[in-house]
C-alpha atoms as a PDB file:
ATOM      1  CA  UNK A   1     104.162 125.373 100.294  1.00  0.00           C
ATOM      2  CA  UNK A   2     100.729 125.034 102.151  1.00  0.00           C
ATOM      3  CA  UNK A   3     100.024 122.392 104.519  1.00  0.00           C
ATOM      4  CA  UNK A   4      98.049 120.903 101.807  1.00  0.00           C
ATOM      5  CA  UNK A   5     100.941 120.254  99.422  1.00  0.00           C
ATOM      6  CA  UNK A   6     102.970 118.913 102.439  1.00  0.00           C
ATOM      7  CA  UNK A   7     100.419 116.603 103.682  1.00  0.00           C
ATOM      8  CA  UNK A   8     100.672 113.137 101.898  1.00  0.00           C
ATOM      9  CA  UNK A   9      98.688 110.340 103.686  1.00  0.00           C
ATOM     10  CA  UNK A  10      98.900 107.593 100.801  1.00  0.00           C
ATOM     11  CA  UNK A  11     101.914 106.217  99.286  1.00  0.00           C
ATOM     12  CA  UNK A  12     102.590 103.071  97.116  1.00  0.00           C
ATOM     13  CA  UNK A  13     106.239 101.932  97.087  1.00  0.00           C
ATOM     14  CA  UNK A  14     107.867  98.792  95.531  1.00  0.00           C
ATOM     15  CA  UNK A  15     110.053  96.830  98.389  1.00  0.00           C
ATOM     16  CA  UNK A  16     112.603  94.615  97.472  1.00  0.00           C
ATOM     17  CA  UNK A  17     114.460  92.605 100.324  1.00  0.00           C
ATOM     18  CA  UNK A  18     117.848  91.296 100.003  1.00  0.00           C
ATOM     19  CA  UNK A  19     118.666  87.829  98.927  1.00  0.00           C
ATOM     20  CA  UNK A  20     120.318  85.437 101.309  1.00  0.00           C
ATOM     21  CA  UNK A  21     123.902  84.598 101.066  1.00  0.00           C
ATOM     22  CA  UNK A  22     124.895  81.196  99.757  1.00  0.00           C
ATOM     23  CA  UNK A  23     126.349  78.479 102.300  1.00  0.00           C
ATOM     24  CA  UNK A  24     129.958  77.414 101.805  1.00  0.00           C
ATOM     25  CA  UNK A  25     130.851  73.879 100.762  1.00  0.00           C
ATOM     26  CA  UNK A  26     134.386  74.319 102.118  1.00  0.00           C
ATOM     27  CA  UNK A  27     136.375  71.297 103.381  1.00  0.00           C
ATOM     28  CA  UNK A  28     139.211  71.882 106.079  1.00  0.00           C
ATOM     29  CA  UNK A  29     142.771  71.992 104.725  1.00  0.00           C
ATOM     30  CA  UNK A  30     145.868  73.197 106.310  1.00  0.00           C
ATOM     31  CA  UNK A  31     149.370  71.991 106.625  1.00  0.00           C
ATOM     32  CA  UNK A  32     148.567  68.913 108.956  1.00  0.00           C
ATOM     33  CA  UNK A  33     145.330  68.041 107.168  1.00  0.00           C
ATOM     34  CA  UNK A  34     144.937  67.064 103.709  1.00  0.00           C
ATOM     35  CA  UNK A  35     141.582  65.540 104.024  1.00  0.00           C
ATOM     36  CA  UNK A  36     139.584  67.513 106.757  1.00  0.00           C
ATOM     37  CA  UNK A  37     135.773  67.596 107.358  1.00  0.00           C
ATOM     38  CA  UNK A  38     133.537  70.142 106.210  1.00  0.00           C
ATOM     39  CA  UNK A  39     133.797  73.445 107.729  1.00  0.00           C
ATOM     40  CA  UNK A  40     131.709  75.694 105.322  1.00  0.00           C
ATOM     41  CA  UNK A  41     129.683  78.538 107.322  1.00  0.00           C
ATOM     42  CA  UNK A  42     126.289  79.779 106.454  1.00  0.00           C
ATOM     43  CA  UNK A  43     125.390  82.465 104.297  1.00  0.00           C
ATOM     44  CA  UNK A  44     123.934  85.778 105.892  1.00  0.00           C
ATOM     45  CA  UNK A  45     120.281  86.558 105.581  1.00  0.00           C
ATOM     46  CA  UNK A  46     119.286  89.220 103.157  1.00  0.00           C
ATOM     47  CA  UNK A  47     118.284  92.652 104.163  1.00  0.00           C
ATOM     48  CA  UNK A  48     114.589  93.366 105.443  1.00  0.00           C
ATOM     49  CA  UNK A  49     112.673  96.504 104.445  1.00  0.00           C
ATOM     50  CA  UNK A  50     111.459  97.752 107.805  1.00  0.00           C
ATOM     51  CA  UNK A  51     109.085 100.350 108.988  1.00  0.00           C
ATOM     52  CA  UNK A  52     109.785 102.446 112.025  1.00  0.00           C
ATOM     53  CA  UNK A  53     107.371 104.846 113.832  1.00  0.00           C
ATOM     54  CA  UNK A  54     108.595 108.291 114.250  1.00  0.00           C
ATOM     55  CA  UNK A  55     106.437 110.733 116.363  1.00  0.00           C
ATOM     56  CA  UNK A  56     107.882 113.605 115.020  1.00  0.00           C
ATOM     57  CA  UNK A  57     106.561 113.029 111.558  1.00  0.00           C
ATOM     58  CA  UNK A  58     103.071 113.895 110.585  1.00  0.00           C
ATOM     59  CA  UNK A  59     103.067 113.265 106.855  1.00  0.00           C
ATOM     60  CA  UNK A  60     104.756 110.754 104.325  1.00  0.00           C
ATOM     61  CA  UNK A  61     105.777 113.718 102.002  1.00  0.00           C
ATOM     62  CA  UNK A  62     109.545 112.170 102.329  1.00  0.00           C
ATOM     63  CA  UNK A  63     108.358 108.785 100.717  1.00  0.00           C
ATOM     64  CA  UNK A  64     106.236 110.442  97.979  1.00  0.00           C
ATOM     65  CA  UNK A  65     108.954 110.260  95.311  1.00  0.00           C
ATOM     66  CA  UNK A  66     110.593 107.168  96.549  1.00  0.00           C
ATOM     67  CA  UNK A  67     108.990 104.203  94.569  1.00  0.00           C
ATOM     68  CA  UNK A  68     111.748 101.760  95.053  1.00  0.00           C
ATOM     69  CA  UNK A  69     113.326 100.645  98.273  1.00  0.00           C
ATOM     70  CA  UNK A  70     116.056  98.029  98.090  1.00  0.00           C
ATOM     71  CA  UNK A  71     117.644  96.471 100.875  1.00  0.00           C
ATOM     72  CA  UNK A  72     121.216  94.643 100.682  1.00  0.00           C
ATOM     73  CA  UNK A  73     122.134  91.082  99.714  1.00  0.00           C
ATOM     74  CA  UNK A  74     123.427  88.754 102.238  1.00  0.00           C
ATOM     75  CA  UNK A  75     126.977  87.436 101.735  1.00  0.00           C
ATOM     76  CA  UNK A  76     128.146  84.068 101.353  1.00  0.00           C
ATOM     77  CA  UNK A  77     129.678  81.841 104.138  1.00  0.00           C
ATOM     78  CA  UNK A  78     133.330  81.194 104.377  1.00  0.00           C
ATOM     79  CA  UNK A  79     135.686  78.544 105.707  1.00  0.00           C
ATOM     80  CA  UNK A  80     136.125  77.820 109.396  1.00  0.00           C
ATOM     81  CA  UNK A  81     132.557  78.061 109.817  1.00  0.00           C
ATOM     82  CA  UNK A  82     132.610  81.776 109.339  1.00  0.00           C
ATOM     83  CA  UNK A  83     128.904  83.070 108.608  1.00  0.00           C
ATOM     84  CA  UNK A  84     128.327  85.448 105.776  1.00  0.00           C
ATOM     85  CA  UNK A  85     127.415  89.120 106.786  1.00  0.00           C
ATOM     86  CA  UNK A  86     123.765  89.892 106.944  1.00  0.00           C
ATOM     87  CA  UNK A  87     122.582  92.302 104.161  1.00  0.00           C
ATOM     88  CA  UNK A  88     121.913  95.935 104.894  1.00  0.00           C
ATOM     89  CA  UNK A  89     118.379  96.546 106.387  1.00  0.00           C
ATOM     90  CA  UNK A  90     116.625  99.325 104.845  1.00  0.00           C
ATOM     91  CA  UNK A  91     114.472 101.540 107.449  1.00  0.00           C
ATOM     92  CA  UNK A  92     111.612 103.636 106.281  1.00  0.00           C
ATOM     93  CA  UNK A  93     110.454 106.144 109.044  1.00  0.00           C
ATOM     94  CA  UNK A  94     106.755 106.774 109.002  1.00  0.00           C
ATOM     95  CA  UNK A  95     104.128 108.811 111.360  1.00  0.00           C
ATOM     96  CA  UNK A  96     102.288 107.242 113.975  1.00  0.00           C
ATOM     97  CA  UNK A  97      98.977 105.946 112.552  1.00  0.00           C
ATOM     98  CA  UNK A  98     100.468 104.417 109.341  1.00  0.00           C
ATOM     99  CA  UNK A  99      98.828 101.142 108.225  1.00  0.00           C
ATOM    100  CA  UNK A 100     100.919  98.914 105.784  1.00  0.00           C
ATOM    101  CA  UNK A 101      98.953  96.817 103.376  1.00  0.00           C
ATOM    102  CA  UNK A 102      99.519  94.337 100.354  1.00  0.00           C
ATOM    103  CA  UNK A 103      99.133  96.302  97.194  1.00  0.00           C
ATOM    104  CA  UNK A 104      97.977  93.238  95.574  1.00  0.00           C
ATOM    105  CA  UNK A 105      95.402  91.887  97.817  1.00  0.00           C
ATOM    106  CA  UNK A 106      94.630  94.797 100.024  1.00  0.00           C
ATOM    107  CA  UNK A 107      95.403  92.934 103.216  1.00  0.00           C
ATOM    108  CA  UNK A 108      96.430  94.911 106.005  1.00  0.00           C
ATOM    109  CA  UNK A 109      99.716  93.730 107.546  1.00  0.00           C
ATOM    110  CA  UNK A 110     100.242  95.605 110.749  1.00  0.00           C
ATOM    111  CA  UNK A 111      99.954  99.315 111.995  1.00  0.00           C
ATOM    112  CA  UNK A 112     102.618 101.574 113.338  1.00  0.00           C
ATOM    113  CA  UNK A 113     101.093 103.269 116.376  1.00  0.00           C
ATOM    114  CA  UNK A 114     104.256 103.979 118.841  1.00  0.00           C
ATOM    115  CA  UNK A 115     107.399 105.942 118.775  1.00  0.00           C
ATOM    116  CA  UNK A 116     110.393 103.669 117.826  1.00  0.00           C
ATOM    117  CA  UNK A 117     108.165 100.688 116.963  1.00  0.00           C
ATOM    118  CA  UNK A 118     109.522  98.469 114.058  1.00  0.00           C
ATOM    119  CA  UNK A 119     107.786  96.164 111.759  1.00  0.00           C
ATOM    120  CA  UNK A 120     109.186  94.009 108.955  1.00  0.00           C
ATOM    121  CA  UNK A 121     107.475  95.118 105.811  1.00  0.00           C
ATOM    122  CA  UNK A 122     109.362  92.806 103.392  1.00  0.00           C
ATOM    123  CA  UNK A 123     111.658  89.959 104.732  1.00  0.00           C
ATOM    124  CA  UNK A 124     114.970  89.153 103.533  1.00  0.00           C
ATOM    125  CA  UNK A 125     115.851  85.676 102.074  1.00  0.00           C
ATOM    126  CA  UNK A 126     117.445  83.161 104.594  1.00  0.00           C
ATOM    127  CA  UNK A 127     120.891  82.451 104.133  1.00  0.00           C
ATOM    128  CA  UNK A 128     122.051  78.950 102.879  1.00  0.00           C
ATOM    129  CA  UNK A 129     123.355  76.526 105.479  1.00  0.00           C
ATOM    130  CA  UNK A 130     126.875  75.583 104.899  1.00  0.00           C
ATOM    131  CA  UNK A 131     127.887  71.880 104.265  1.00  0.00           C
ATOM    132  CA  UNK A 132     128.942  71.215 107.879  1.00  0.00           C
ATOM    133  CA  UNK A 133     125.257  70.807 108.564  1.00  0.00           C
ATOM    134  CA  UNK A 134     124.876  68.066 106.272  1.00  0.00           C
ATOM    135  CA  UNK A 135     127.551  65.683 107.892  1.00  0.00           C
ATOM    136  CA  UNK A 136     126.275  62.440 108.832  1.00  0.00           C
ATOM    137  CA  UNK A 137     127.705  58.990 109.810  1.00  0.00           C
ATOM    138  CA  UNK A 138     126.919  57.953 106.184  1.00  0.00           C
ATOM    139  CA  UNK A 139     128.215  61.048 104.400  1.00  0.00           C
ATOM    140  CA  UNK A 140     131.399  62.444 106.215  1.00  0.00           C
ATOM    141  CA  UNK A 141     132.392  65.115 103.633  1.00  0.00           C
ATOM    142  CA  UNK A 142     129.300  66.657 101.864  1.00  0.00           C
ATOM    143  CA  UNK A 143     130.637  68.878  99.172  1.00  0.00           C
ATOM    144  CA  UNK A 144     127.526  70.753  98.733  1.00  0.00           C
ATOM    145  CA  UNK A 145     125.872  73.460 100.628  1.00  0.00           C
ATOM    146  CA  UNK A 146     122.548  75.377 100.379  1.00  0.00           C
ATOM    147  CA  UNK A 147     122.002  78.397  98.063  1.00  0.00           C
ATOM    148  CA  UNK A 148     120.536  81.359  99.861  1.00  0.00           C
ATOM    149  CA  UNK A 149     116.830  82.303  99.330  1.00  0.00           C
ATOM    150  CA  UNK A 150     115.871  84.963  97.032  1.00  0.00           C
ATOM    151  CA  UNK A 151     114.383  88.078  98.445  1.00  0.00           C
ATOM    152  CA  UNK A 152     110.950  89.299  97.901  1.00  0.00           C
ATOM    153  CA  UNK A 153     109.838  92.073  95.683  1.00  0.00           C
ATOM    154  CA  UNK A 154     106.223  93.443  96.545  1.00  0.00           C
ATOM    155  CA  UNK A 155     104.267  96.416  95.934  1.00  0.00           C
ATOM    156  CA  UNK A 156     103.249  97.827  99.201  1.00  0.00           C
ATOM    157  CA  UNK A 157     100.745 100.710 100.140  1.00  0.00           C
ATOM    158  CA  UNK A 158     101.410 102.819 103.328  1.00  0.00           C
ATOM    159  CA  UNK A 159      98.186 104.716 104.394  1.00  0.00           C
ATOM    160  CA  UNK A 160      98.126 107.246 107.310  1.00  0.00           C
ATOM    161  CA  UNK A 161      95.156 107.502 109.788  1.00  0.00           C
ATOM    162  CA  UNK A 162      95.387 110.869 111.614  1.00  0.00           C
ATOM    163  CA  UNK A 163      95.890 110.445 115.270  1.00  0.00           C
ATOM    164  CA  UNK A 164      93.856 112.973 116.899  1.00  0.00           C
ATOM    165  CA  UNK A 165      91.887 113.475 120.304  1.00  0.00           C
ATOM    166  CA  UNK A 166      88.858 115.344 118.383  1.00  0.00           C
ATOM    167  CA  UNK A 167      87.649 114.819 114.712  1.00  0.00           C
ATOM    168  CA  UNK A 168      85.585 117.428 113.059  1.00  0.00           C
ATOM    169  CA  UNK A 169      82.643 116.043 111.278  1.00  0.00           C
ATOM    170  CA  UNK A 170      80.418 118.066 109.018  1.00  0.00           C
ATOM    171  CA  UNK A 171      79.419 119.265 105.587  1.00  0.00           C
ATOM    172  CA  UNK A 172      81.665 121.435 103.567  1.00  0.00           C
ATOM    173  CA  UNK A 173      81.194 125.019 104.806  1.00  0.00           C
ATOM    174  CA  UNK A 174      80.013 123.993 108.244  1.00  0.00           C
ATOM    175  CA  UNK A 175      82.795 126.258 109.753  1.00  0.00           C
ATOM    176  CA  UNK A 176      85.206 123.828 110.853  1.00  0.00           C
ATOM    177  CA  UNK A 177      88.343 125.293 109.318  1.00  0.00           C
ATOM    178  CA  UNK A 178      87.320 128.626 110.951  1.00  0.00           C
ATOM    179  CA  UNK A 179      86.739 126.834 114.427  1.00  0.00           C
ATOM    180  CA  UNK A 180      90.147 125.317 114.256  1.00  0.00           C
ATOM    181  CA  UNK A 181      92.009 128.573 113.402  1.00  0.00           C
ATOM    182  CA  UNK A 182      90.150 130.192 116.218  1.00  0.00           C
ATOM    183  CA  UNK A 183      90.991 127.331 118.999  1.00  0.00           C
ATOM    184  CA  UNK A 184      94.535 126.517 117.737  1.00  0.00           C
ATOM    185  CA  UNK A 185      97.751 127.910 116.157  1.00  0.00           C
ATOM    186  CA  UNK A 186      96.569 125.850 112.926  1.00  0.00           C
ATOM    187  CA  UNK A 187      96.289 128.251 109.713  1.00  0.00           C
ATOM    188  CA  UNK A 188      93.945 126.396 107.537  1.00  0.00           C
ATOM    189  CA  UNK A 189      93.039 127.357 104.238  1.00  0.00           C
ATOM    190  CA  UNK A 190      89.518 128.913 104.595  1.00  0.00           C
ATOM    191  CA  UNK A 191      87.070 130.148 101.897  1.00  0.00           C
ATOM    192  CA  UNK A 192      83.438 130.375 101.554  1.00  0.00           C
ATOM    193  CA  UNK A 193      83.033 127.334  99.272  1.00  0.00           C
ATOM    194  CA  UNK A 194      82.557 123.676  99.545  1.00  0.00           C
ATOM    195  CA  UNK A 195      85.627 121.512  99.750  1.00  0.00           C
ATOM    196  CA  UNK A 196      88.057 124.114 100.947  1.00  0.00           C
ATOM    197  CA  UNK A 197      89.832 121.600 103.207  1.00  0.00           C
ATOM    198  CA  UNK A 198      91.261 118.745 101.091  1.00  0.00           C
ATOM    199  CA  UNK A 199      93.394 117.250 103.606  1.00  0.00           C
ATOM    200  CA  UNK A 200      93.165 117.115 107.464  1.00  0.00           C
ATOM    201  CA  UNK A 201      94.466 120.141 109.177  1.00  0.00           C
ATOM    202  CA  UNK A 202      95.757 119.452 112.586  1.00  0.00           C
ATOM    203  CA  UNK A 203      95.533 121.974 115.470  1.00  0.00           C
ATOM    204  CA  UNK A 204      96.596 121.741 119.103  1.00  0.00           C
ATOM    205  CA  UNK A 205      94.043 123.252 121.192  1.00  0.00           C
ATOM    206  CA  UNK A 206      95.375 124.867 124.521  1.00  0.00           C
ATOM    207  CA  UNK A 207      93.099 124.426 127.608  1.00  0.00           C
ATOM    208  CA  UNK A 208      93.045 125.319 131.278  1.00  0.00           C
ATOM    209  CA  UNK A 209      96.110 124.673 133.291  1.00  0.00           C
ATOM    210  CA  UNK A 210      98.653 124.386 130.436  1.00  0.00           C
ATOM    211  CA  UNK A 211      96.959 121.034 129.071  1.00  0.00           C
ATOM    212  CA  UNK A 212      96.190 120.646 125.499  1.00  0.00           C
ATOM    213  CA  UNK A 213      94.544 118.358 122.864  1.00  0.00           C
ATOM    214  CA  UNK A 214      94.832 117.716 119.261  1.00  0.00           C
ATOM    215  CA  UNK A 215      91.930 118.551 117.025  1.00  0.00           C
ATOM    216  CA  UNK A 216      91.688 117.556 113.281  1.00  0.00           C
ATOM    217  CA  UNK A 217      89.540 119.154 110.828  1.00  0.00           C
ATOM    218  CA  UNK A 218      88.463 116.257 108.433  1.00  0.00           C
ATOM    219  CA  UNK A 219      87.475 117.253 104.842  1.00  0.00           C
ATOM    220  CA  UNK A 220      83.778 117.877 104.576  1.00  0.00           C
ATOM    221  CA  UNK A 221      81.645 114.947 104.227  1.00  0.00           C
ATOM    222  CA  UNK A 222      78.893 114.804 101.536  1.00  0.00           C
ATOM    223  CA  UNK A 223      76.001 112.566 101.217  1.00  0.00           C
ATOM    224  CA  UNK A 224      77.343 109.232  99.517  1.00  0.00           C
ATOM    225  CA  UNK A 225      80.817 109.726 100.900  1.00  0.00           C
ATOM    226  CA  UNK A 226      80.702 106.125 102.469  1.00  0.00           C
ATOM    227  CA  UNK A 227      80.150 104.926  98.784  1.00  0.00           C
ATOM    228  CA  UNK A 228      83.276 106.689  97.693  1.00  0.00           C
ATOM    229  CA  UNK A 229      81.529 109.440  96.219  1.00  0.00           C
ATOM    230  CA  UNK A 230      83.293 112.701  95.929  1.00  0.00           C
ATOM    231  CA  UNK A 231      86.254 112.659  98.213  1.00  0.00           C
ATOM    232  CA  UNK A 232      84.718 110.518 100.536  1.00  0.00           C
ATOM    233  CA  UNK A 233      86.441 107.036 101.489  1.00  0.00           C
ATOM    234  CA  UNK A 234      89.725 108.758 101.344  1.00  0.00           C
ATOM    235  CA  UNK A 235      89.073 111.123 104.327  1.00  0.00           C
ATOM    236  CA  UNK A 236      86.417 109.007 106.267  1.00  0.00           C
ATOM    237  CA  UNK A 237      89.305 106.660 107.432  1.00  0.00           C
ATOM    238  CA  UNK A 238      90.980 109.669 109.338  1.00  0.00           C
ATOM    239  CA  UNK A 239      87.970 109.687 111.642  1.00  0.00           C
ATOM    240  CA  UNK A 240      88.437 106.068 112.875  1.00  0.00           C
ATOM    241  CA  UNK A 241      91.563 107.305 115.036  1.00  0.00           C
ATOM    242  CA  UNK A 242      89.621 110.141 116.970  1.00  0.00           C
ATOM    243  CA  UNK A 243      88.495 109.717 120.518  1.00  0.00           C
ATOM    244  CA  UNK A 244      85.695 112.190 120.428  1.00  0.00           C
ATOM    245  CA  UNK A 245      83.651 113.082 117.283  1.00  0.00           C
ATOM    246  CA  UNK A 246      82.376 116.778 116.987  1.00  0.00           C
ATOM    247  CA  UNK A 247      79.515 117.261 114.649  1.00  0.00           C
ATOM    248  CA  UNK A 248      79.535 120.592 113.368  1.00  0.00           C
ATOM    249  CA  UNK A 249      76.016 122.030 111.981  1.00  0.00           C
ATOM    250  CA  UNK A 250      75.694 125.496 110.847  1.00  0.00           C
ATOM    251  CA  UNK A 251      72.659 127.482 112.492  1.00  0.00           C
ATOM    252  CA  UNK A 252      71.703 128.834 108.862  1.00  0.00           C
ATOM    253  CA  UNK A 253      71.571 124.936 107.295  1.00  0.00           C
ATOM    254  CA  UNK A 254      68.583 124.671 104.927  1.00  0.00           C
ATOM    255  CA  UNK A 255      67.642 121.550 106.841  1.00  0.00           C
ATOM    256  CA  UNK A 256      66.891 120.995 110.219  1.00  0.00           C
ATOM    257  CA  UNK A 257      69.672 120.566 112.717  1.00  0.00           C
ATOM    258  CA  UNK A 258      68.637 117.003 113.343  1.00  0.00           C
ATOM    259  CA  UNK A 259      68.073 116.080 109.557  1.00  0.00           C
ATOM    260  CA  UNK A 260      71.634 117.419 108.860  1.00  0.00           C
ATOM    261  CA  UNK A 261      73.108 115.547 112.106  1.00  0.00           C
ATOM    262  CA  UNK A 262      71.035 112.408 111.086  1.00  0.00           C
ATOM    263  CA  UNK A 263      72.808 112.239 107.478  1.00  0.00           C
ATOM    264  CA  UNK A 264      76.460 112.847 108.859  1.00  0.00           C
ATOM    265  CA  UNK A 265      75.681 109.970 111.389  1.00  0.00           C
ATOM    266  CA  UNK A 266      74.331 107.576 108.771  1.00  0.00           C
ATOM    267  CA  UNK A 267      77.474 108.265 106.613  1.00  0.00           C
ATOM    268  CA  UNK A 268      79.714 107.310 109.332  1.00  0.00           C
ATOM    269  CA  UNK A 269      77.717 104.201 110.358  1.00  0.00           C
ATOM    270  CA  UNK A 270      77.591 103.126 106.546  1.00  0.00           C
ATOM    271  CA  UNK A 271      81.345 103.369 106.502  1.00  0.00           C
ATOM    272  CA  UNK A 272      82.058 101.852 109.526  1.00  0.00           C
ATOM    273  CA  UNK A 273      79.527 100.969 112.236  1.00  0.00           C
ATOM    274  CA  UNK A 274      82.253 100.818 115.082  1.00  0.00           C
ATOM    275  CA  UNK A 275      82.412 104.665 114.830  1.00  0.00           C
ATOM    276  CA  UNK A 276      78.893 104.693 116.403  1.00  0.00           C
ATOM    277  CA  UNK A 277      80.602 103.885 119.703  1.00  0.00           C
ATOM    278  CA  UNK A 278      82.639 107.082 120.029  1.00  0.00           C
ATOM    279  CA  UNK A 279      81.313 109.918 122.079  1.00  0.00           C
ATOM    280  CA  UNK A 280      79.701 112.627 120.256  1.00  0.00           C
ATOM    281  CA  UNK A 281      79.383 116.428 120.810  1.00  0.00           C
ATOM    282  CA  UNK A 282      77.102 118.793 118.595  1.00  0.00           C
ATOM    283  CA  UNK A 283      78.204 122.286 117.917  1.00  0.00           C
ATOM    284  CA  UNK A 284      75.713 124.598 116.328  1.00  0.00           C
ATOM    285  CA  UNK A 285      78.112 126.783 114.344  1.00  0.00           C
ATOM    286  CA  UNK A 286      77.297 130.592 113.084  1.00  0.00           C
ATOM    287  CA  UNK A 287      74.850 130.985 115.693  1.00  0.00           C
ATOM    288  CA  UNK A 288      75.632 134.696 116.340  1.00  0.00           C
ATOM    289  CA  UNK A 289      72.930 135.306 113.896  1.00  0.00           C
ATOM    290  CA  UNK A 290      70.460 133.593 116.290  1.00  0.00           C
ATOM    291  CA  UNK A 291      68.511 135.575 118.917  1.00  0.00           C
ATOM    292  CA  UNK A 292      67.445 133.928 122.190  1.00  0.00           C
ATOM    293  CA  UNK A 293      64.103 133.145 121.113  1.00  0.00           C
ATOM    294  CA  UNK A 294      65.154 131.342 118.009  1.00  0.00           C
ATOM    295  CA  UNK A 295      67.863 129.423 120.110  1.00  0.00           C
ATOM    296  CA  UNK A 296      65.202 128.288 122.420  1.00  0.00           C
ATOM    297  CA  UNK A 297      63.007 127.055 119.749  1.00  0.00           C
ATOM    298  CA  UNK A 298      65.802 125.158 117.934  1.00  0.00           C
ATOM    299  CA  UNK A 299      66.809 123.409 121.278  1.00  0.00           C
ATOM    300  CA  UNK A 300      63.478 121.793 121.145  1.00  0.00           C
ATOM    301  CA  UNK A 301      64.324 119.992 117.905  1.00  0.00           C
ATOM    302  CA  UNK A 302      67.795 119.101 118.644  1.00  0.00           C
ATOM    303  CA  UNK A 303      68.709 115.305 118.511  1.00  0.00           C
ATOM    304  CA  UNK A 304      67.971 113.587 121.970  1.00  0.00           C
ATOM    305  CA  UNK A 305      70.969 112.370 124.130  1.00  0.00           C
ATOM    306  CA  UNK A 306      73.809 114.265 122.453  1.00  0.00           C
ATOM    307  CA  UNK A 307      75.642 117.106 124.523  1.00  0.00           C
ATOM    308  CA  UNK A 308      75.300 120.275 122.517  1.00  0.00           C
ATOM    309  CA  UNK A 309      76.684 123.788 122.389  1.00  0.00           C
ATOM    310  CA  UNK A 310      75.736 126.970 120.403  1.00  0.00           C
ATOM    311  CA  UNK A 311      79.115 128.512 119.091  1.00  0.00           C
ATOM    312  CA  UNK A 312      80.326 131.369 116.837  1.00  0.00           C
ATOM    313  CA  UNK A 313      83.865 131.235 116.075  1.00  0.00           C
ATOM    314  CA  UNK A 314      83.780 134.706 114.534  1.00  0.00           C
ATOM    315  CA  UNK A 315      82.138 136.378 117.617  1.00  0.00           C
ATOM    316  CA  UNK A 316      84.100 133.968 119.971  1.00  0.00           C
ATOM    317  CA  UNK A 317      80.843 132.774 121.519  1.00  0.00           C
ATOM    318  CA  UNK A 318      80.468 129.480 123.372  1.00  0.00           C
ATOM    319  CA  UNK A 319      84.119 128.414 122.716  1.00  0.00           C
ATOM    320  CA  UNK A 320      85.301 127.896 126.236  1.00  0.00           C
ATOM    321  CA  UNK A 321      82.059 125.971 126.703  1.00  0.00           C
ATOM    322  CA  UNK A 322      82.809 123.603 123.654  1.00  0.00           C
ATOM    323  CA  UNK A 323      86.470 123.253 125.091  1.00  0.00           C
ATOM    324  CA  UNK A 324      85.030 122.005 128.437  1.00  0.00           C
ATOM    325  CA  UNK A 325      82.716 119.597 126.837  1.00  0.00           C
ATOM    326  CA  UNK A 326      85.532 118.174 124.702  1.00  0.00           C
ATOM    327  CA  UNK A 327      88.062 117.834 127.514  1.00  0.00           C
ATOM    328  CA  UNK A 328      85.453 115.977 129.728  1.00  0.00           C
ATOM    329  CA  UNK A 329      84.665 113.534 126.755  1.00  0.00           C
ATOM    330  CA  UNK A 330      88.452 112.999 125.952  1.00  0.00           C
ATOM    331  CA  UNK A 331      89.307 112.129 129.579  1.00  0.00           C
END
């Protein structure tokens, strides 16, 4: 299987939490007591459906075919104030960067960002109170208890936003996959046509002194992506998590470098204006086709205020300089 078929960043799951156990309406009886008071215990709560962060996971493939998750029911209370057993909680392990949403309303419930972090996705029903809770001066022997609450059944959406230090932003065919394969051990599928990358490819980039950082090749943006055109919105959300945005524009673009950069930028801004606050670096890829004179000319037309570097992944040109720039921005 390729990374593409392994990478699942969206699942829809029906979660059913457990029903709470009923409270007991027992009255105390033993050899010495024929008419004792109420001693019915409380019912146990129903099991929760719980998400748990796992830093070793990078996909939700293991949840792809699991459409229903059902937690256990709580047990009824017993005599002698014995509480019923709590229903079995159902844990779903998810990668860091997972967001839980209500499928019906689209409301974001919470986000898992730390290893071992747990959040209740669907709460179990409360157990009913036993009859001893209802004893009063006017009602010495209540013969009733509370039933348990029913569990909840809800469709939930789990979405993964890739957590990476550097997000590669560029039109299809800008050379992002090639760069990732050169600077890391990632082996993305590379071909010379648009939309080769249909899922984010992650690579760990080695840096000086045994340091490293994570780079994500996010699928190519096209004009209109922020309106949901093409594969747009599904992939733009992965950029939200990146610390630094590396814009890649090929030297052989039929627009100017500045025009192409501006289009990419406005797509990001339309999608989420907060992305404009992230540090940005511009890499002019495929620059092995340029001579010094042409490069000097192009420098005059580059967007102002953005650190830039001319690179060629194939010729290994400017790669270390790019890593230095990125490292400075991350730290």
